[in-house]
Amino acid sequence: MGELPFDHPEVKKVIDTTLNVLVAESDRGAVLVAAELINNTLGQFLQDIFPPEFKSSILLNYPGSLSTLSARADAMYAFRLIGKDIHRVMTLFRRVRNEAAHSSSDFSLEGQADRLQEAYNELVKPWTSIDHLATKFIVEKLFQWVNADEDGTWREMYKQGIFSSPDEVLKEMEKKKKKQLEGHKPRFRLAVAVSLLCAFIVYHKKELLAALGDSGLLIQIFQQNDGQMKS
């Protein structure tokens, strides 16, 4: 996948929303919510590229043929609306989701580490890493989330350049918050990965719609096909 423009307003909104939602869940809850976030993002993609007069609810709302994550992912890949890498990541997340939904034993993200790591590798190669981004977001969120910056000390030291990277801040904060942090890191990694996946989908949709232009190339294709069928 190419590098994601983090300053894109809709991309930033997706990342912020997803992070805030997922890190507060249990491992099982985070996976189930993540799957729903991905499904909703795909649904919005499809709705936005459908002709405006088409009743998208027929397909997208249950029990429509495109109401599930698997159906949306497969259809969008089949019609080349998403690439092989994004489809592969969604397949891996679906498998983790199925484990979370149907497992009768205790579910943990650590138990899905190999499958999730495969998804992470697909998402971020070659330009960054999930752990690097997770660390960055952990540092940013911890100031508010675990009240680690009550007097502004860590934030001010980071702004002044006393620490050269977010990792250094994290190491210092871990001295006091290590036990609490360790329990949440898997969910931060999941949240970052799902945020990236949803953000890639959103940005790809924006690029596609921009390329279609005001005339709406997809609508023209539908109209041409309709005319050929009638002639």
C-alpha atoms as a PDB file:
ATOM      1  CA  MET A   1       0.000   0.000   0.000  1.00  0.00           C
ATOM      2  CA  GLY A   2       1.147   3.547  -0.571  1.00  0.00           C
ATOM      3  CA  GLU A   3       1.809   6.056   2.150  1.00  0.00           C
ATOM      4  CA  LEU A   4      -1.328   7.387   3.756  1.00  0.00           C
ATOM      5  CA  PRO A   5      -1.873  11.179   3.920  1.00  0.00           C
ATOM      6  CA  PHE A   6      -2.493  11.587   7.651  1.00  0.00           C
ATOM      7  CA  ASP A   7      -3.371  15.255   7.226  1.00  0.00           C
ATOM      8  CA  HIS A   8      -6.389  14.427   5.067  1.00  0.00           C
ATOM      9  CA  PRO A   9      -9.382  15.595   7.205  1.00  0.00           C
ATOM     10  CA  GLU A  10     -11.538  12.511   6.673  1.00  0.00           C
ATOM     11  CA  VAL A  11      -8.560  10.224   7.274  1.00  0.00           C
ATOM     12  CA  LYS A  12      -7.783  12.017  10.547  1.00  0.00           C
ATOM     13  CA  LYS A  13     -11.410  11.717  11.622  1.00  0.00           C
ATOM     14  CA  VAL A  14     -11.458   7.973  10.918  1.00  0.00           C
ATOM     15  CA  ILE A  15      -8.247   7.375  12.862  1.00  0.00           C
ATOM     16  CA  ASP A  16      -9.272   9.458  15.868  1.00  0.00           C
ATOM     17  CA  THR A  17     -12.723   7.877  16.072  1.00  0.00           C
ATOM     18  CA  THR A  18     -11.463   4.320  15.723  1.00  0.00           C
ATOM     19  CA  LEU A  19      -8.693   4.719  18.282  1.00  0.00           C
ATOM     20  CA  ASN A  20     -10.993   6.229  20.863  1.00  0.00           C
ATOM     21  CA  VAL A  21     -13.588   3.488  20.424  1.00  0.00           C
ATOM     22  CA  LEU A  22     -11.399   0.392  20.336  1.00  0.00           C
ATOM     23  CA  VAL A  23      -8.915   1.026  23.134  1.00  0.00           C
ATOM     24  CA  ALA A  24     -11.717   1.245  25.693  1.00  0.00           C
ATOM     25  CA  GLU A  25     -13.108  -2.217  24.838  1.00  0.00           C
ATOM     26  CA  SER A  26     -12.213  -5.683  26.065  1.00  0.00           C
ATOM     27  CA  ASP A  27     -10.170  -7.788  23.618  1.00  0.00           C
ATOM     28  CA  ARG A  28     -13.271  -9.606  22.401  1.00  0.00           C
ATOM     29  CA  GLY A  29     -15.304  -6.412  22.264  1.00  0.00           C
ATOM     30  CA  ALA A  30     -12.536  -4.564  20.412  1.00  0.00           C
ATOM     31  CA  VAL A  31     -12.456  -7.200  17.670  1.00  0.00           C
ATOM     32  CA  LEU A  32     -16.235  -7.256  17.251  1.00  0.00           C
ATOM     33  CA  VAL A  33     -16.428  -3.452  17.165  1.00  0.00           C
ATOM     34  CA  ALA A  34     -13.475  -3.323  14.754  1.00  0.00           C
ATOM     35  CA  ALA A  35     -15.249  -5.648  12.336  1.00  0.00           C
ATOM     36  CA  GLU A  36     -18.345  -3.459  12.461  1.00  0.00           C
ATOM     37  CA  LEU A  37     -16.275  -0.313  11.834  1.00  0.00           C
ATOM     38  CA  ILE A  38     -14.682  -1.940   8.780  1.00  0.00           C
ATOM     39  CA  ASN A  39     -18.068  -3.118   7.554  1.00  0.00           C
ATOM     40  CA  ASN A  40     -19.561   0.363   7.945  1.00  0.00           C
ATOM     41  CA  THR A  41     -16.613   1.923   6.111  1.00  0.00           C
ATOM     42  CA  LEU A  42     -17.088  -0.455   3.198  1.00  0.00           C
ATOM     43  CA  GLY A  43     -20.815   0.195   3.213  1.00  0.00           C
ATOM     44  CA  GLN A  44     -20.252   3.948   3.023  1.00  0.00           C
ATOM     45  CA  PHE A  45     -17.792   3.423   0.157  1.00  0.00           C
ATOM     46  CA  LEU A  46     -20.401   1.487  -1.823  1.00  0.00           C
ATOM     47  CA  GLN A  47     -23.184   3.930  -1.013  1.00  0.00           C
ATOM     48  CA  ASP A  48     -21.087   6.871  -2.163  1.00  0.00           C
ATOM     49  CA  ILE A  49     -20.267   5.349  -5.552  1.00  0.00           C
ATOM     50  CA  PHE A  50     -23.747   4.012  -6.293  1.00  0.00           C
ATOM     51  CA  PRO A  51     -25.845   6.150  -8.666  1.00  0.00           C
ATOM     52  CA  PRO A  52     -27.708   8.718  -6.526  1.00  0.00           C
ATOM     53  CA  GLU A  53     -31.115   7.458  -7.640  1.00  0.00           C
ATOM     54  CA  PHE A  54     -30.319   3.855  -6.723  1.00  0.00           C
ATOM     55  CA  LYS A  55     -31.858   2.540  -3.496  1.00  0.00           C
ATOM     56  CA  SER A  56     -28.667   1.319  -1.844  1.00  0.00           C
ATOM     57  CA  SER A  57     -30.589  -0.046   1.139  1.00  0.00           C
ATOM     58  CA  ILE A  58     -31.795  -2.936  -1.041  1.00  0.00           C
ATOM     59  CA  LEU A  59     -28.252  -4.273  -1.160  1.00  0.00           C
ATOM     60  CA  LEU A  60     -26.613  -2.831   1.938  1.00  0.00           C
ATOM     61  CA  ASN A  61     -29.239  -3.355   4.644  1.00  0.00           C
ATOM     62  CA  TYR A  62     -29.824  -6.807   6.095  1.00  0.00           C
ATOM     63  CA  PRO A  63     -30.714  -9.240   4.527  1.00  0.00           C
ATOM     64  CA  GLY A  64     -29.373  -7.599   1.363  1.00  0.00           C
ATOM     65  CA  SER A  65     -26.705  -9.380  -0.633  1.00  0.00           C
ATOM     66  CA  LEU A  66     -24.085  -6.769   0.400  1.00  0.00           C
ATOM     67  CA  SER A  67     -25.036  -6.448   4.060  1.00  0.00           C
ATOM     68  CA  THR A  68     -22.125  -8.459   5.497  1.00  0.00           C
ATOM     69  CA  LEU A  69     -18.417  -7.712   5.759  1.00  0.00           C
ATOM     70  CA  SER A  70     -17.456 -10.787   3.752  1.00  0.00           C
ATOM     71  CA  ALA A  71     -19.894 -10.016   0.933  1.00  0.00           C
ATOM     72  CA  ARG A  72     -18.820  -6.374   0.715  1.00  0.00           C
ATOM     73  CA  ALA A  73     -15.122  -7.210   0.774  1.00  0.00           C
ATOM     74  CA  ASP A  74     -15.433  -9.933  -1.861  1.00  0.00           C
ATOM     75  CA  ALA A  75     -17.647  -7.874  -4.164  1.00  0.00           C
ATOM     76  CA  MET A  76     -15.427  -4.800  -3.967  1.00  0.00           C
ATOM     77  CA  TYR A  77     -12.332  -6.883  -4.690  1.00  0.00           C
ATOM     78  CA  ALA A  78     -14.068  -8.672  -7.581  1.00  0.00           C
ATOM     79  CA  PHE A  79     -14.971  -5.320  -9.170  1.00  0.00           C
ATOM     80  CA  ARG A  80     -11.463  -3.921  -8.474  1.00  0.00           C
ATOM     81  CA  LEU A  81     -12.694  -1.237  -6.110  1.00  0.00           C
ATOM     82  CA  ILE A  82     -10.107  -2.400  -3.562  1.00  0.00           C
ATOM     83  CA  GLY A  83      -6.754  -4.080  -4.074  1.00  0.00           C
ATOM     84  CA  LYS A  84      -5.568  -7.547  -3.173  1.00  0.00           C
ATOM     85  CA  ASP A  85      -3.697  -6.292  -0.106  1.00  0.00           C
ATOM     86  CA  ILE A  86      -6.742  -4.599   1.453  1.00  0.00           C
ATOM     87  CA  HIS A  87      -8.887  -7.644   0.692  1.00  0.00           C
ATOM     88  CA  ARG A  88      -6.291  -9.912   2.310  1.00  0.00           C
ATOM     89  CA  VAL A  89      -6.223  -7.787   5.469  1.00  0.00           C
ATOM     90  CA  MET A  90     -10.006  -7.848   5.723  1.00  0.00           C
ATOM     91  CA  THR A  91     -10.007 -11.637   5.302  1.00  0.00           C
ATOM     92  CA  LEU A  92      -7.578 -11.956   8.205  1.00  0.00           C
ATOM     93  CA  PHE A  93      -9.650  -9.618  10.385  1.00  0.00           C
ATOM     94  CA  ARG A  94     -12.779 -11.597   9.545  1.00  0.00           C
ATOM     95  CA  ARG A  95     -11.107 -14.774  10.791  1.00  0.00           C
ATOM     96  CA  VAL A  96     -10.124 -13.073  14.034  1.00  0.00           C
ATOM     97  CA  ARG A  97     -13.673 -11.717  14.326  1.00  0.00           C
ATOM     98  CA  ASN A  98     -15.113 -15.202  13.876  1.00  0.00           C
ATOM     99  CA  GLU A  99     -12.865 -16.519  16.648  1.00  0.00           C
ATOM    100  CA  ALA A 100     -13.989 -13.720  18.951  1.00  0.00           C
ATOM    101  CA  ALA A 101     -17.659 -14.212  18.138  1.00  0.00           C
ATOM    102  CA  HIS A 102     -17.794 -17.995  18.380  1.00  0.00           C
ATOM    103  CA  SER A 103     -15.104 -18.960  20.880  1.00  0.00           C
ATOM    104  CA  SER A 104     -16.524 -20.263  24.158  1.00  0.00           C
ATOM    105  CA  SER A 105     -13.204 -19.878  25.953  1.00  0.00           C
ATOM    106  CA  ASP A 106     -11.502 -16.680  27.044  1.00  0.00           C
ATOM    107  CA  PHE A 107     -10.535 -14.675  23.973  1.00  0.00           C
ATOM    108  CA  SER A 108      -7.362 -12.604  23.832  1.00  0.00           C
ATOM    109  CA  LEU A 109      -5.633 -10.614  21.127  1.00  0.00           C
ATOM    110  CA  GLU A 110      -2.355 -12.197  22.174  1.00  0.00           C
ATOM    111  CA  GLY A 111      -3.832 -15.548  21.163  1.00  0.00           C
ATOM    112  CA  GLN A 112      -4.374 -14.141  17.660  1.00  0.00           C
ATOM    113  CA  ALA A 113      -0.894 -12.628  17.427  1.00  0.00           C
ATOM    114  CA  ASP A 114       0.304 -14.561  14.355  1.00  0.00           C
ATOM    115  CA  ARG A 115      -2.822 -13.837  12.327  1.00  0.00           C
ATOM    116  CA  LEU A 116      -2.871 -10.175  13.342  1.00  0.00           C
ATOM    117  CA  GLN A 117       0.829  -9.759  12.619  1.00  0.00           C
ATOM    118  CA  GLU A 118       0.202 -11.070   9.101  1.00  0.00           C
ATOM    119  CA  ALA A 119      -2.500  -8.442   8.677  1.00  0.00           C
ATOM    120  CA  TYR A 120      -0.237  -5.723  10.083  1.00  0.00           C
ATOM    121  CA  ASN A 121       2.534  -6.664   7.672  1.00  0.00           C
ATOM    122  CA  GLU A 122       0.152  -6.342   4.727  1.00  0.00           C
ATOM    123  CA  LEU A 123      -1.068  -2.967   5.939  1.00  0.00           C
ATOM    124  CA  VAL A 124       2.109  -1.040   6.499  1.00  0.00           C
ATOM    125  CA  LYS A 125       4.945  -2.412   4.398  1.00  0.00           C
ATOM    126  CA  PRO A 126       7.315  -0.958   3.458  1.00  0.00           C
ATOM    127  CA  TRP A 127       7.047   2.546   4.874  1.00  0.00           C
ATOM    128  CA  THR A 128       6.350   2.198   8.593  1.00  0.00           C
ATOM    129  CA  SER A 129       5.318  -0.274  11.280  1.00  0.00           C
ATOM    130  CA  ILE A 130       2.262  -0.930  13.404  1.00  0.00           C
ATOM    131  CA  ASP A 131       4.321  -0.835  16.601  1.00  0.00           C
ATOM    132  CA  HIS A 132       5.840   2.521  15.697  1.00  0.00           C
ATOM    133  CA  LEU A 133       2.414   4.017  15.042  1.00  0.00           C
ATOM    134  CA  ALA A 134       0.914   2.326  18.092  1.00  0.00           C
ATOM    135  CA  THR A 135       3.656   3.801  20.261  1.00  0.00           C
ATOM    136  CA  LYS A 136       3.066   7.235  18.778  1.00  0.00           C
ATOM    137  CA  PHE A 137      -0.674   7.090  19.429  1.00  0.00           C
ATOM    138  CA  ILE A 138      -0.221   5.592  22.890  1.00  0.00           C
ATOM    139  CA  VAL A 139       1.963   8.514  23.894  1.00  0.00           C
ATOM    140  CA  GLU A 140      -0.500  11.033  22.517  1.00  0.00           C
ATOM    141  CA  LYS A 141      -3.541   9.394  24.102  1.00  0.00           C
ATOM    142  CA  LEU A 142      -1.995   8.565  27.455  1.00  0.00           C
ATOM    143  CA  PHE A 143      -1.755  12.197  28.448  1.00  0.00           C
ATOM    144  CA  GLN A 144      -5.545  12.226  28.585  1.00  0.00           C
ATOM    145  CA  TRP A 145      -6.484   8.577  28.902  1.00  0.00           C
ATOM    146  CA  VAL A 146      -4.530   7.443  31.980  1.00  0.00           C
ATOM    147  CA  ASN A 147      -3.956  10.908  33.468  1.00  0.00           C
ATOM    148  CA  ALA A 148      -0.223  10.460  33.139  1.00  0.00           C
ATOM    149  CA  ASP A 149       0.324  14.134  32.439  1.00  0.00           C
ATOM    150  CA  GLU A 150      -1.617  15.750  35.248  1.00  0.00           C
ATOM    151  CA  ASP A 151       0.864  18.586  35.710  1.00  0.00           C
ATOM    152  CA  GLY A 152       1.946  18.843  32.049  1.00  0.00           C
ATOM    153  CA  THR A 153       5.481  17.621  32.760  1.00  0.00           C
ATOM    154  CA  TRP A 154       5.832  14.940  30.105  1.00  0.00           C
ATOM    155  CA  ARG A 155       4.080  16.944  27.412  1.00  0.00           C
ATOM    156  CA  GLU A 156       6.230  20.013  28.084  1.00  0.00           C
ATOM    157  CA  MET A 157       9.457  17.978  28.090  1.00  0.00           C
ATOM    158  CA  TYR A 158       8.491  16.385  24.788  1.00  0.00           C
ATOM    159  CA  LYS A 159       7.671  19.775  23.225  1.00  0.00           C
ATOM    160  CA  GLN A 160      10.996  21.185  24.393  1.00  0.00           C
ATOM    161  CA  GLY A 161      12.878  18.378  22.680  1.00  0.00           C
ATOM    162  CA  ILE A 162      14.227  16.849  25.891  1.00  0.00           C
ATOM    163  CA  PHE A 163      13.053  13.520  24.492  1.00  0.00           C
ATOM    164  CA  SER A 164      14.072  12.806  20.912  1.00  0.00           C
ATOM    165  CA  SER A 165      11.151  10.543  20.091  1.00  0.00           C
ATOM    166  CA  PRO A 166       7.762   9.354  21.392  1.00  0.00           C
ATOM    167  CA  ASP A 167       9.453   6.055  22.273  1.00  0.00           C
ATOM    168  CA  GLU A 168      11.645   7.805  24.833  1.00  0.00           C
ATOM    169  CA  VAL A 169       8.618   9.417  26.433  1.00  0.00           C
ATOM    170  CA  LEU A 170       6.891   6.063  26.529  1.00  0.00           C
ATOM    171  CA  LYS A 171       9.860   4.408  28.250  1.00  0.00           C
ATOM    172  CA  GLU A 172       9.852   7.055  30.970  1.00  0.00           C
ATOM    173  CA  MET A 173       6.108   6.826  31.424  1.00  0.00           C
ATOM    174  CA  GLU A 174       6.281   3.022  31.554  1.00  0.00           C
ATOM    175  CA  LYS A 175       8.349   3.251  34.723  1.00  0.00           C
ATOM    176  CA  LYS A 176       5.188   4.367  36.488  1.00  0.00           C
ATOM    177  CA  LYS A 177       2.527   2.930  34.187  1.00  0.00           C
ATOM    178  CA  LYS A 178       4.112  -0.239  32.784  1.00  0.00           C
ATOM    179  CA  LYS A 179       1.628  -2.771  34.130  1.00  0.00           C
ATOM    180  CA  GLN A 180      -1.333  -0.723  32.972  1.00  0.00           C
ATOM    181  CA  LEU A 181       0.233  -0.018  29.577  1.00  0.00           C
ATOM    182  CA  GLU A 182       1.126  -3.604  28.822  1.00  0.00           C
ATOM    183  CA  GLY A 183      -2.470  -4.691  29.229  1.00  0.00           C
ATOM    184  CA  HIS A 184      -3.661  -2.176  26.646  1.00  0.00           C
ATOM    185  CA  LYS A 185      -0.926  -2.419  24.009  1.00  0.00           C
ATOM    186  CA  PRO A 186      -2.568  -5.218  21.980  1.00  0.00           C
ATOM    187  CA  ARG A 187      -5.737  -3.141  21.647  1.00  0.00           C
ATOM    188  CA  PHE A 188      -3.742  -0.086  20.611  1.00  0.00           C
ATOM    189  CA  ARG A 189      -2.059  -2.174  17.905  1.00  0.00           C
ATOM    190  CA  LEU A 190      -5.441  -3.447  16.750  1.00  0.00           C
ATOM    191  CA  ALA A 191      -6.895   0.065  16.861  1.00  0.00           C
ATOM    192  CA  VAL A 192      -4.015   1.456  14.796  1.00  0.00           C
ATOM    193  CA  ALA A 193      -4.325  -1.325  12.228  1.00  0.00           C
ATOM    194  CA  VAL A 194      -8.097  -0.954  11.868  1.00  0.00           C
ATOM    195  CA  SER A 195      -7.723   2.833  11.736  1.00  0.00           C
ATOM    196  CA  LEU A 196      -5.211   2.490   8.914  1.00  0.00           C
ATOM    197  CA  LEU A 197      -7.373   0.015   7.030  1.00  0.00           C
ATOM    198  CA  CYS A 198     -10.466   2.222   7.271  1.00  0.00           C
ATOM    199  CA  ALA A 199      -8.430   5.305   6.415  1.00  0.00           C
ATOM    200  CA  PHE A 200      -6.956   3.635   3.329  1.00  0.00           C
ATOM    201  CA  ILE A 201     -10.465   2.703   2.193  1.00  0.00           C
ATOM    202  CA  VAL A 202     -11.755   6.243   2.788  1.00  0.00           C
ATOM    203  CA  TYR A 203      -8.853   7.865   0.971  1.00  0.00           C
ATOM    204  CA  HIS A 204      -9.086   5.410  -1.923  1.00  0.00           C
ATOM    205  CA  LYS A 205     -12.787   6.249  -2.221  1.00  0.00           C
ATOM    206  CA  LYS A 206     -11.961   9.953  -2.338  1.00  0.00           C
ATOM    207  CA  GLU A 207      -9.390   9.377  -5.081  1.00  0.00           C
ATOM    208  CA  LEU A 208     -11.837   7.241  -7.053  1.00  0.00           C
ATOM    209  CA  LEU A 209     -14.635   9.800  -6.815  1.00  0.00           C
ATOM    210  CA  ALA A 210     -12.246  12.584  -7.808  1.00  0.00           C
ATOM    211  CA  ALA A 211     -11.079  10.584 -10.823  1.00  0.00           C
ATOM    212  CA  LEU A 212     -14.656   9.977 -11.905  1.00  0.00           C
ATOM    213  CA  GLY A 213     -15.286  13.716 -11.952  1.00  0.00           C
ATOM    214  CA  ASP A 214     -18.603  15.478 -11.964  1.00  0.00           C
ATOM    215  CA  SER A 215     -19.866  13.496 -14.922  1.00  0.00           C
ATOM    216  CA  GLY A 216     -19.738  10.286 -12.914  1.00  0.00           C
ATOM    217  CA  LEU A 217     -18.002   7.642 -14.983  1.00  0.00           C
ATOM    218  CA  LEU A 218     -19.611   4.766 -13.101  1.00  0.00           C
ATOM    219  CA  ILE A 219     -23.081   6.177 -13.749  1.00  0.00           C
ATOM    220  CA  GLN A 220     -22.241   6.500 -17.455  1.00  0.00           C
ATOM    221  CA  ILE A 221     -21.159   2.880 -17.556  1.00  0.00           C
ATOM    222  CA  PHE A 222     -24.398   1.776 -15.913  1.00  0.00           C
ATOM    223  CA  GLN A 223     -26.395   3.836 -18.419  1.00  0.00           C
ATOM    224  CA  GLN A 224     -24.430   2.458 -21.379  1.00  0.00           C
ATOM    225  CA  ASN A 225     -24.972  -1.094 -20.221  1.00  0.00           C
ATOM    226  CA  ASP A 226     -28.661  -0.391 -19.727  1.00  0.00           C
ATOM    227  CA  GLY A 227     -28.929   1.002 -23.257  1.00  0.00           C
ATOM    228  CA  GLN A 228     -27.171  -2.003 -24.751  1.00  0.00           C
ATOM    229  CA  MET A 229     -29.570  -4.347 -22.987  1.00  0.00           C
ATOM    230  CA  LYS A 230     -32.608  -2.472 -24.345  1.00  0.00           C
ATOM    231  CA  SER A 231     -31.328  -2.217 -27.944  1.00  0.00           C
END
